[in-house]
Amino acid sequence: MGLKECLVLVLASGCALAANYTIDDCPASIPHDRHLQVFGDTCYSFMTSHRREFDAAERECESNLGHLVIIRDAATQDFLYNALRHDLRYNGVVWIGLSDKVNEGQFVWVDGSPAHYTHWASGQPGILGGLDDCVGMNIQQQGQWNDYQCEGFLFISNSHVFVCEYPLGQPSTFALSPSTVVTSTSQTQTTAASDLPTTTLAPSSTTEITTTIPTQTKVSTTHQTSNECPNNISHSQLLRYFGNSCYSFHISNKREFVEAERECEANGGHLVSISDIATQSFVYNTLRDELRYSGVVWIGLSDRAVEGHFQWIDGSPVRYVHWASGHPSPLGGAEDCVGMNANRQGLWEDRQCQAFGQTPANNAFVCEYPAVQPAH
């Protein structure tokens, strides 16, 4: 129970809310079957019917706007082990989202966060150095963790089942415990703090409150765009106005970097330039909280012209950056274009600008257009 949720119930005796989360609150893009479970504020999809190498598993999770599972405490560890061993009767190795692929010996989660909680088996991590970089949970060893090769080597396959993690939507209701007594008659109570939710109480002795809980502080946006944005771009729920620019969020049609820029240019714009933390917060909050998108989006930054010298596509100087750990990548010219990863708190990653072999490079993208002065 968070502070904000408690504050909105100051008129009640106690603070005993429980969120009614079910798999119905999980993203519609993933199968809602016995392999989908909810724990805490997260949906978990147990992919026990097919095996993948580590990177292929992460890509499959990302394709549905999630990522390989992150285990931050013993409670989540126990939930996953019990679900796999007892509910699904699985008894092998399962990929989790932990690796030291970027810096040998420094294990980080796929969202870039450090591993404060671990559950290593005896003798793990292994002593083979860079050969064993990716981590799996071994159900035959009571769910303890082992590091494995991330991909096959010569004739040896290294594919495992895996667990994807997805953010929950907000539940429609919160239930009060029976011991909580509401003495107010029908009315609307609004907390003094501007960022706290508005709560509507039903007539006396009710046991349910309908509320909307904000997930984080958001940068204010303007949704009435018709007077500020060019007429030749679609004025839909994916268009936002912020500062002196209009932003069109293309999350349903994915493109390679150059194709995305061409699409923006066709309407007089370009891929988004992010020159300060306010614009970064606006773009991230819009993607993750308003549009419920949690994948990678192209932004207009690259070092395609001069290796190691990143430039915005509109020619503006790079005054602000928000790189993820390990980025820009040391792979040189292979990864020249930059995407914001909404699964990693909006951190930036350099990626391949176009497909290479069997590896696709299509991402969603954000176009930026100059605002127009409304007619008087």
Protein backbone atom coordinates (compact mmCIF):
# COMPACT_ATOMS: atom_id res chain seq x y z
CA MET A 1 0.00 0.00 0.00
CA GLY A 2 1.52 3.25 -1.10
CA LEU A 3 1.36 6.64 0.65
CA LYS A 4 -0.88 8.19 -1.98
CA GLU A 5 -3.45 5.40 -1.76
CA CYS A 6 -3.57 5.81 2.01
CA LEU A 7 -3.93 9.59 1.83
CA VAL A 8 -7.08 9.39 -0.27
CA LEU A 9 -8.71 7.36 2.53
CA VAL A 10 -8.06 9.72 5.42
CA LEU A 11 -11.77 9.76 6.25
CA ALA A 12 -11.81 6.00 6.78
CA SER A 13 -10.59 4.20 9.92
CA GLY A 14 -7.45 2.47 8.74
CA CYS A 15 -5.94 1.89 5.35
CA ALA A 16 -6.58 -1.65 4.12
CA LEU A 17 -7.01 -1.64 0.35
CA ALA A 18 -6.40 -4.64 -1.89
CA ALA A 19 -6.21 -4.30 -5.66
CA ASN A 20 -8.48 -6.66 -7.62
CA TYR A 21 -5.94 -7.60 -10.28
CA THR A 22 -6.71 -10.56 -12.56
CA ILE A 23 -5.36 -11.76 -15.90
CA ASP A 24 -8.06 -9.58 -17.46
CA ASP A 25 -5.80 -6.63 -16.55
CA CYS A 26 -2.94 -8.12 -18.62
CA PRO A 27 -2.20 -6.89 -22.16
CA ALA A 28 -4.67 -8.19 -24.76
CA SER A 29 -1.78 -9.05 -27.13
CA ILE A 30 -0.72 -12.11 -25.07
CA PRO A 31 -2.69 -15.39 -24.72
CA HIS A 32 -4.99 -15.45 -21.69
CA ASP A 33 -4.67 -19.11 -20.75
CA ARG A 34 -3.33 -21.26 -17.92
CA HIS A 35 0.22 -20.14 -18.76
CA LEU A 36 -0.61 -16.55 -17.79
CA GLN A 37 -0.54 -15.59 -14.10
CA VAL A 38 -0.60 -12.38 -12.07
CA PHE A 39 1.62 -11.70 -9.08
CA GLY A 40 1.90 -8.30 -7.42
CA ASP A 41 1.51 -5.66 -10.11
CA THR A 42 2.91 -7.76 -12.97
CA CYS A 43 1.67 -10.32 -15.52
CA TYR A 44 3.83 -13.39 -16.12
CA SER A 45 3.56 -15.51 -19.27
CA PHE A 46 5.19 -18.94 -18.86
CA MET A 47 6.49 -19.95 -22.29
CA THR A 48 6.98 -23.64 -21.48
CA SER A 49 5.78 -25.00 -24.83
CA HIS A 50 8.71 -23.77 -26.93
CA ARG A 51 12.41 -23.13 -26.42
CA ARG A 52 14.58 -20.24 -27.53
CA GLU A 53 18.15 -19.01 -27.17
CA PHE A 54 18.43 -16.10 -24.73
CA ASP A 55 18.30 -13.19 -27.22
CA ALA A 56 15.51 -14.81 -29.24
CA ALA A 57 13.50 -15.27 -26.04
CA GLU A 58 13.94 -11.61 -25.10
CA ARG A 59 12.89 -10.53 -28.60
CA GLU A 60 9.75 -12.63 -28.36
CA CYS A 61 8.87 -10.99 -25.05
CA GLU A 62 9.59 -7.54 -26.50
CA SER A 63 7.36 -8.23 -29.52
CA ASN A 64 4.41 -8.20 -27.11
CA LEU A 65 5.76 -5.19 -25.19
CA GLY A 66 7.33 -7.11 -22.33
CA HIS A 67 10.75 -8.51 -21.41
CA LEU A 68 12.29 -11.57 -19.80
CA VAL A 69 11.32 -11.87 -16.16
CA ILE A 70 13.09 -9.75 -13.54
CA ILE A 71 13.36 -11.18 -10.01
CA ARG A 72 13.95 -8.51 -7.37
CA ASP A 73 13.03 -10.42 -4.18
CA ALA A 74 12.47 -13.83 -2.62
CA ALA A 75 8.68 -13.51 -2.91
CA THR A 76 8.85 -13.25 -6.72
CA GLN A 77 11.41 -16.09 -6.82
CA ASP A 78 9.10 -18.34 -4.79
CA PHE A 79 6.08 -17.44 -6.93
CA LEU A 80 7.89 -18.34 -10.17
CA TYR A 81 9.34 -21.58 -8.83
CA ASN A 82 6.00 -22.76 -7.46
CA ALA A 83 4.13 -21.82 -10.63
CA LEU A 84 6.61 -23.72 -12.79
CA ARG A 85 7.11 -26.76 -10.57
CA HIS A 86 3.62 -27.27 -9.13
CA ASP A 87 1.12 -25.46 -11.37
CA LEU A 88 2.68 -26.21 -14.77
CA ARG A 89 4.62 -29.37 -13.80
CA TYR A 90 7.77 -28.11 -15.51
CA ASN A 91 11.09 -29.50 -14.34
CA GLY A 92 13.87 -28.01 -16.50
CA VAL A 93 15.80 -24.77 -17.02
CA VAL A 94 14.02 -21.46 -17.64
CA TRP A 95 15.65 -18.26 -18.93
CA ILE A 96 15.31 -15.22 -16.68
CA GLY A 97 16.30 -11.69 -17.74
CA LEU A 98 19.75 -11.60 -16.12
CA SER A 99 23.14 -11.62 -17.89
CA ASP A 100 26.66 -10.23 -17.86
CA LYS A 101 26.86 -9.94 -21.66
CA VAL A 102 27.86 -6.27 -21.56
CA ASN A 103 30.52 -6.35 -18.81
CA GLU A 104 31.97 -9.70 -17.80
CA GLY A 105 31.15 -10.46 -14.16
CA GLN A 106 28.68 -7.56 -13.82
CA PHE A 107 25.22 -9.10 -13.94
CA VAL A 108 22.37 -6.75 -14.82
CA TRP A 109 18.71 -7.25 -15.68
CA VAL A 110 17.43 -6.71 -19.22
CA ASP A 111 15.96 -3.33 -18.17
CA GLY A 112 19.46 -2.17 -17.14
CA SER A 113 18.88 -2.37 -13.39
CA PRO A 114 21.44 -4.01 -11.07
CA ALA A 115 20.87 -7.40 -9.45
CA HIS A 116 20.37 -6.65 -5.75
CA TYR A 117 18.73 -10.04 -5.11
CA THR A 118 20.23 -13.31 -6.41
CA HIS A 119 19.57 -17.02 -5.91
CA TRP A 120 22.72 -18.65 -7.28
CA ALA A 121 23.32 -22.38 -7.09
CA SER A 122 26.53 -23.57 -5.43
CA GLY A 123 29.53 -22.82 -7.65
CA GLN A 124 27.64 -20.21 -9.67
CA PRO A 125 28.25 -17.92 -11.48
CA GLY A 126 30.57 -20.30 -13.36
CA ILE A 127 34.27 -19.82 -13.87
CA LEU A 128 34.20 -20.09 -17.69
CA GLY A 129 34.29 -16.33 -18.15
CA GLY A 130 32.63 -15.04 -21.29
CA LEU A 131 31.26 -18.43 -22.36
CA ASP A 132 28.45 -18.46 -19.78
CA ASP A 133 26.81 -15.02 -19.79
CA CYS A 134 23.06 -15.68 -19.47
CA VAL A 135 21.13 -16.87 -16.44
CA GLY A 136 18.50 -19.58 -16.10
CA MET A 137 16.47 -20.85 -13.19
CA ASN A 138 16.90 -24.62 -12.76
CA ILE A 139 13.71 -26.14 -11.39
CA GLN A 140 15.49 -29.44 -10.71
CA GLN A 141 17.74 -27.52 -8.31
CA GLN A 142 14.88 -25.99 -6.30
CA GLY A 143 14.80 -22.97 -8.61
CA GLN A 144 18.44 -21.98 -8.05
CA TRP A 145 20.18 -19.92 -10.73
CA ASN A 146 22.93 -21.04 -13.10
CA ASP A 147 24.75 -19.13 -15.81
CA TYR A 148 24.67 -20.74 -19.26
CA GLN A 149 25.87 -20.01 -22.77
CA CYS A 150 23.43 -17.52 -24.31
CA GLU A 151 23.34 -19.31 -27.66
CA GLY A 152 24.35 -22.55 -29.30
CA PHE A 153 28.03 -23.30 -29.88
CA LEU A 154 29.07 -25.47 -32.83
CA PHE A 155 26.68 -28.46 -32.68
CA ILE A 156 25.50 -27.80 -29.12
CA SER A 157 22.08 -26.17 -28.81
CA ASN A 158 21.36 -23.94 -25.84
CA SER A 159 17.64 -23.23 -26.11
CA HIS A 160 15.45 -23.13 -23.01
CA VAL A 161 11.90 -22.25 -22.13
CA PHE A 162 11.42 -18.79 -20.67
CA VAL A 163 9.13 -16.46 -18.72
CA CYS A 164 8.00 -13.08 -20.09
CA GLU A 165 6.98 -10.22 -17.81
CA TYR A 166 4.40 -7.56 -18.74
CA PRO A 167 3.07 -4.47 -16.93
CA LEU A 168 -0.47 -4.63 -15.58
CA GLY A 169 -3.14 -2.10 -16.36
CA GLN A 170 -4.89 -0.32 -13.49
CA PRO A 171 -7.60 -2.43 -11.80
CA SER A 172 -11.12 -1.07 -12.05
CA THR A 173 -11.82 -1.21 -8.31
CA PHE A 174 -10.19 -1.45 -4.90
CA ALA A 175 -11.94 -3.27 -2.07
CA LEU A 176 -11.96 -2.09 1.55
CA SER A 177 -11.45 -4.65 4.26
CA PRO A 178 -14.59 -5.38 6.37
CA SER A 179 -13.03 -3.68 9.41
CA THR A 180 -12.81 -0.35 7.59
CA VAL A 181 -15.78 1.92 8.30
CA VAL A 182 -16.74 4.79 6.00
CA THR A 183 -18.82 7.39 7.79
CA SER A 184 -19.31 9.87 4.96
CA THR A 185 -22.46 10.17 2.85
CA SER A 186 -22.33 10.40 -0.95
CA GLN A 187 -19.74 12.98 -1.98
CA THR A 188 -16.47 13.48 -3.86
CA GLN A 189 -13.28 13.94 -1.85
CA THR A 190 -10.17 15.44 -3.46
CA THR A 191 -6.81 15.45 -1.68
CA ALA A 192 -4.91 18.68 -1.31
CA ALA A 193 -1.88 17.46 -3.28
CA SER A 194 -2.42 18.16 -6.95
CA ASP A 195 -1.09 14.82 -8.16
CA LEU A 196 -3.29 12.62 -5.96
CA PRO A 197 -6.37 10.89 -7.42
CA THR A 198 -9.99 11.95 -7.00
CA THR A 199 -12.03 9.39 -5.06
CA THR A 200 -15.79 8.94 -5.30
CA LEU A 201 -17.58 7.46 -2.28
CA ALA A 202 -20.92 5.71 -2.64
CA PRO A 203 -23.73 6.29 -0.06
CA SER A 204 -23.13 5.29 3.54
CA SER A 205 -21.52 2.01 4.65
CA THR A 206 -20.19 1.16 1.21
CA THR A 207 -17.33 -1.35 0.95
CA GLU A 208 -15.90 -0.31 -2.39
CA ILE A 209 -14.08 2.71 -3.75
CA THR A 210 -13.53 3.43 -7.45
CA THR A 211 -10.33 5.34 -8.03
CA THR A 212 -7.53 6.01 -10.50
CA ILE A 213 -4.01 5.88 -9.07
CA PRO A 214 -1.32 7.69 -11.08
CA THR A 215 1.82 5.63 -11.62
CA GLN A 216 4.32 8.51 -11.60
CA THR A 217 4.65 12.23 -11.93
CA LYS A 218 3.92 13.21 -15.52
CA VAL A 219 4.85 16.18 -17.64
CA SER A 220 1.68 18.02 -18.62
CA THR A 221 0.61 17.60 -22.25
CA THR A 222 -2.04 19.28 -24.36
CA HIS A 223 -4.43 16.98 -26.22
CA GLN A 224 -6.31 19.70 -28.09
CA THR A 225 -3.94 19.71 -31.04
CA SER A 226 -6.11 20.91 -33.93
CA ASN A 227 -5.02 24.55 -33.60
CA GLU A 228 -1.33 23.89 -32.94
CA CYS A 229 -0.36 21.04 -35.30
CA PRO A 230 -0.11 20.95 -39.12
CA ASN A 231 -3.25 19.90 -40.97
CA ASN A 232 -1.42 17.34 -43.13
CA ILE A 233 -0.74 14.96 -40.23
CA SER A 234 -3.36 12.72 -38.62
CA HIS A 235 -5.08 14.43 -35.68
CA SER A 236 -5.72 11.31 -33.60
CA GLN A 237 -5.15 10.06 -30.07
CA LEU A 238 -1.51 9.42 -31.09
CA LEU A 239 -0.80 13.14 -31.62
CA ARG A 240 0.48 15.34 -28.79
CA TYR A 241 1.50 18.98 -28.42
CA PHE A 242 4.40 19.86 -26.09
CA GLY A 243 6.56 22.96 -25.92
CA ASN A 244 6.76 24.34 -29.45
CA SER A 245 6.37 21.04 -31.30
CA CYS A 246 3.80 18.43 -32.24
CA TYR A 247 4.65 14.78 -31.71
CA SER A 248 3.09 11.90 -33.63
CA PHE A 249 3.55 8.49 -31.95
CA HIS A 250 3.75 5.70 -34.54
CA ILE A 251 3.43 2.62 -32.35
CA SER A 252 1.37 0.38 -34.64
CA ASN A 253 3.55 0.54 -37.78
CA LYS A 254 7.20 -0.36 -37.25
CA ARG A 255 9.97 0.73 -39.60
CA GLU A 256 13.72 0.57 -40.02
CA PHE A 257 15.43 3.83 -39.03
CA VAL A 258 15.75 5.38 -42.50
CA GLU A 259 12.20 4.36 -43.46
CA ALA A 260 10.86 5.94 -40.26
CA GLU A 261 12.66 9.21 -41.01
CA ARG A 262 11.31 9.22 -44.58
CA GLU A 263 7.76 8.82 -43.25
CA CYS A 264 8.26 11.77 -40.89
CA GLU A 265 9.81 13.90 -43.66
CA ALA A 266 6.90 13.14 -46.01
CA ASN A 267 4.70 15.25 -43.72
CA GLY A 268 7.25 18.00 -43.10
CA GLY A 269 8.80 16.62 -39.90
CA HIS A 270 11.66 14.42 -38.71
CA LEU A 271 12.35 11.80 -36.08
CA VAL A 272 12.10 13.33 -32.61
CA SER A 273 15.03 15.32 -31.17
CA ILE A 274 15.38 15.28 -27.37
CA SER A 275 17.36 18.25 -26.10
CA ASP A 276 16.47 18.21 -22.38
CA ILE A 277 15.05 16.12 -19.56
CA ALA A 278 11.60 17.72 -19.90
CA THR A 279 11.20 16.44 -23.46
CA GLN A 280 12.62 13.05 -22.45
CA SER A 281 10.07 12.77 -19.63
CA PHE A 282 7.23 13.89 -21.91
CA VAL A 283 8.02 11.30 -24.59
CA TYR A 284 8.57 8.47 -22.07
CA ASN A 285 5.44 9.25 -20.00
CA THR A 286 3.29 9.49 -23.12
CA LEU A 287 4.54 6.13 -24.41
CA ARG A 288 4.46 4.14 -21.19
CA ASP A 289 1.58 5.65 -19.21
CA GLU A 290 -0.81 7.16 -21.74
CA LEU A 291 -0.37 4.88 -24.76
CA ARG A 292 0.62 1.79 -22.70
CA TYR A 293 3.57 1.10 -25.03
CA SER A 294 6.65 -0.52 -23.52
CA GLY A 295 8.89 -1.41 -26.44
CA VAL A 296 11.63 0.42 -28.37
CA VAL A 297 10.98 3.58 -30.41
CA TRP A 298 13.38 5.23 -32.82
CA ILE A 299 14.52 8.74 -31.94
CA GLY A 300 16.41 10.96 -34.38
CA LEU A 301 19.94 10.32 -33.09
CA SER A 302 22.67 8.39 -34.90
CA ASP A 303 26.39 8.24 -35.66
CA ARG A 304 25.89 7.06 -39.24
CA ALA A 305 27.88 9.97 -40.70
CA VAL A 306 30.95 9.74 -38.44
CA GLU A 307 31.47 6.69 -36.23
CA GLY A 308 31.27 7.64 -32.53
CA HIS A 309 30.01 11.18 -33.28
CA PHE A 310 26.27 11.16 -32.55
CA GLN A 311 24.12 13.83 -34.20
CA TRP A 312 20.43 14.66 -34.27
CA ILE A 313 18.81 14.18 -37.66
CA ASP A 314 17.64 17.82 -37.74
CA GLY A 315 21.23 19.02 -37.30
CA SER A 316 20.79 20.32 -33.75
CA PRO A 317 23.67 19.75 -31.30
CA VAL A 318 23.56 16.94 -28.73
CA ARG A 319 23.23 18.73 -25.38
CA TYR A 320 21.42 15.98 -23.47
CA VAL A 321 21.76 12.18 -23.50
CA HIS A 322 20.04 9.38 -21.56
CA TRP A 323 22.13 6.29 -22.37
CA ALA A 324 21.45 2.89 -20.84
CA SER A 325 24.32 1.10 -19.12
CA GLY A 326 26.72 -0.31 -21.74
CA HIS A 327 25.62 2.12 -24.44
CA PRO A 328 26.75 3.40 -26.86
CA SER A 329 27.78 -0.13 -27.77
CA PRO A 330 31.47 -0.94 -28.37
CA LEU A 331 30.51 -2.81 -31.56
CA GLY A 332 31.36 0.19 -33.71
CA GLY A 333 29.60 0.59 -37.04
CA ALA A 334 27.20 -2.29 -36.51
CA GLU A 335 24.91 -0.22 -34.26
CA ASP A 336 24.56 3.36 -35.45
CA CYS A 337 20.95 4.35 -34.72
CA VAL A 338 19.38 5.14 -31.36
CA GLY A 339 16.13 3.96 -29.82
CA MET A 340 14.41 4.80 -26.54
CA ASN A 341 13.50 1.63 -24.65
CA ALA A 342 10.30 2.18 -22.68
CA ASN A 343 10.93 -1.17 -20.97
CA ARG A 344 14.07 0.32 -19.42
CA GLN A 345 12.70 3.57 -17.99
CA GLY A 346 13.14 5.28 -21.36
CA LEU A 347 16.91 4.75 -21.49
CA TRP A 348 18.61 5.04 -24.89
CA GLU A 349 20.28 2.19 -26.76
CA ASP A 350 22.21 2.21 -30.03
CA ARG A 351 20.88 -0.42 -32.41
CA GLN A 352 21.28 -1.67 -35.96
CA CYS A 353 19.65 0.80 -38.33
CA GLN A 354 18.46 -1.94 -40.67
CA ALA A 355 17.96 -5.68 -40.76
CA PHE A 356 21.09 -7.83 -40.74
CA GLY A 357 20.73 -11.46 -41.81
CA GLN A 358 17.76 -12.88 -39.93
CA THR A 359 17.79 -10.12 -37.32
CA PRO A 360 15.03 -7.53 -37.91
CA ALA A 361 15.51 -3.85 -37.07
CA ASN A 362 11.95 -2.54 -37.24
CA ASN A 363 10.82 -0.37 -34.35
CA ALA A 364 8.02 2.04 -33.55
CA PHE A 365 8.98 5.70 -33.89
CA VAL A 366 8.05 9.26 -32.94
CA CYS A 367 7.85 12.08 -35.50
CA GLU A 368 8.28 15.72 -34.49
CA TYR A 369 6.66 18.62 -36.38
CA PRO A 370 6.89 22.39 -35.85
CA ALA A 371 3.76 23.79 -34.23
CA VAL A 372 1.73 26.31 -36.21
CA GLN A 373 0.23 29.52 -34.91
CA PRO A 374 -3.56 29.27 -34.60
CA ALA A 375 -5.56 31.60 -36.80
CA HIS A 376 -7.21 34.54 -35.02
